[in-house]
């Protein structure tokens, strides 16, 4: 079931294209006390450049998700994080759905 987001908000999912986007994902993982190391994210970006996603609300970053292709038939989702204040509102569901759709 697709999530229903408030119509007054501009939600988008964009590829992480800049070093600033990658740094955002690093800072979000650190804030959440995840075990990813800062040097992992550039490696993840190089492994799956088209599947490193940043969720944005009204132009502000609110989450990230990385899909790493192991081989053509296997992938894993890494660093699926929505900022605490935005959880429970359907943004994570939309981010997951977009990442899943990227697999074809």
Protein backbone atom coordinates (compact mmCIF):
# COMPACT_ATOMS: atom_id res chain seq x y z
CA UNK A 1 0.00 0.00 0.00
CA UNK A 2 1.43 3.36 -1.01
CA UNK A 3 1.81 5.88 1.76
CA UNK A 4 -0.15 9.13 1.77
CA UNK A 5 1.95 12.19 2.39
CA UNK A 6 0.62 15.60 3.34
CA UNK A 7 -0.17 17.44 0.10
CA UNK A 8 1.31 20.72 1.33
CA UNK A 9 4.81 19.26 1.50
CA UNK A 10 7.21 18.83 -1.38
CA UNK A 11 8.79 15.40 -0.91
CA UNK A 12 11.40 14.09 -3.33
CA UNK A 13 13.95 11.32 -3.58
CA UNK A 14 17.15 12.22 -5.37
CA UNK A 15 20.44 10.50 -6.07
CA UNK A 16 23.32 11.49 -3.82
CA UNK A 17 25.37 13.42 -6.34
CA UNK A 18 27.67 15.63 -4.33
CA UNK A 19 30.19 15.13 -1.54
CA UNK A 20 27.76 17.14 0.61
CA UNK A 21 25.09 14.46 0.09
CA UNK A 22 27.54 11.74 1.09
CA UNK A 23 28.59 13.75 4.15
CA UNK A 24 24.92 14.15 5.09
CA UNK A 25 24.51 10.36 5.08
CA UNK A 26 27.65 10.00 7.22
CA UNK A 27 26.42 12.56 9.75
CA UNK A 28 22.98 10.94 9.89
CA UNK A 29 24.49 7.50 10.54
CA UNK A 30 26.73 8.92 13.26
CA UNK A 31 23.80 10.71 14.89
CA UNK A 32 21.90 7.41 14.93
CA UNK A 33 24.97 5.69 16.42
CA UNK A 34 25.22 3.28 13.50
CA UNK A 35 28.37 1.24 13.11
CA UNK A 36 29.19 2.51 9.61
CA UNK A 37 32.54 4.22 9.39
CA UNK A 38 32.92 7.56 7.69
CA UNK A 39 35.10 6.02 4.98
CA UNK A 40 32.40 3.42 4.13
CA UNK A 41 30.05 5.86 2.44
CA UNK A 42 32.32 6.94 -0.43
CA UNK A 43 32.94 3.23 -1.07
CA UNK A 44 29.19 2.55 -1.09
CA UNK A 45 28.74 5.47 -3.49
CA UNK A 46 31.36 4.04 -5.84
CA UNK A 47 29.76 0.56 -5.72
CA UNK A 48 26.24 1.80 -6.51
CA UNK A 49 26.46 5.37 -7.82
CA UNK A 50 22.87 5.40 -9.13
CA UNK A 51 21.37 3.81 -6.03
CA UNK A 52 22.53 6.08 -3.21
CA UNK A 53 19.33 7.97 -2.40
CA UNK A 54 18.65 11.10 -0.37
CA UNK A 55 15.07 11.85 0.78
CA UNK A 56 14.20 15.55 0.79
CA UNK A 57 11.28 17.47 2.20
CA UNK A 58 10.82 21.03 1.00
CA UNK A 59 14.46 20.92 -0.18
CA UNK A 60 15.83 19.74 3.19
CA UNK A 61 17.55 16.36 3.54
CA UNK A 62 15.57 14.07 5.85
CA UNK A 63 16.89 10.58 5.11
CA UNK A 64 19.04 8.24 3.07
CA UNK A 65 19.17 4.72 1.73
CA UNK A 66 21.86 2.92 -0.25
CA UNK A 67 21.21 -0.12 -2.45
CA UNK A 68 24.38 -2.09 -3.06
CA UNK A 69 24.33 -4.58 -5.91
CA UNK A 70 26.24 -7.72 -4.95
CA UNK A 71 25.64 -9.27 -8.35
CA UNK A 72 22.85 -8.98 -10.96
CA UNK A 73 20.51 -11.10 -8.82
CA UNK A 74 21.38 -9.92 -5.31
CA UNK A 75 21.33 -6.55 -3.62
CA UNK A 76 21.21 -5.33 -0.07
CA UNK A 77 19.80 -2.18 1.45
CA UNK A 78 22.19 -0.26 3.65
CA UNK A 79 21.92 2.81 5.85
CA UNK A 80 18.15 3.12 5.59
CA UNK A 81 17.63 6.09 7.92
CA UNK A 82 14.90 8.72 8.23
CA UNK A 83 15.57 11.54 10.68
CA UNK A 84 13.73 11.05 13.95
CA UNK A 85 11.35 13.98 13.58
CA UNK A 86 10.09 12.70 10.22
CA UNK A 87 9.44 9.06 11.10
CA UNK A 88 5.97 7.55 11.03
CA UNK A 89 4.75 9.86 8.26
CA UNK A 90 5.34 7.66 5.21
CA UNK A 91 8.65 9.12 4.05
CA UNK A 92 10.60 5.95 4.79
CA UNK A 93 8.03 3.86 2.95
CA UNK A 94 8.33 6.09 -0.10
CA UNK A 95 12.13 5.96 0.06
CA UNK A 96 12.08 2.17 0.32
CA UNK A 97 9.60 1.88 -2.58
CA UNK A 98 11.78 4.09 -4.80
CA UNK A 99 14.90 2.11 -3.95
CA UNK A 100 13.10 -1.16 -4.63
CA UNK A 101 11.82 0.15 -7.97
CA UNK A 102 15.41 1.03 -8.96
CA UNK A 103 16.15 -2.67 -9.08
CA UNK A 104 13.77 -3.15 -11.99
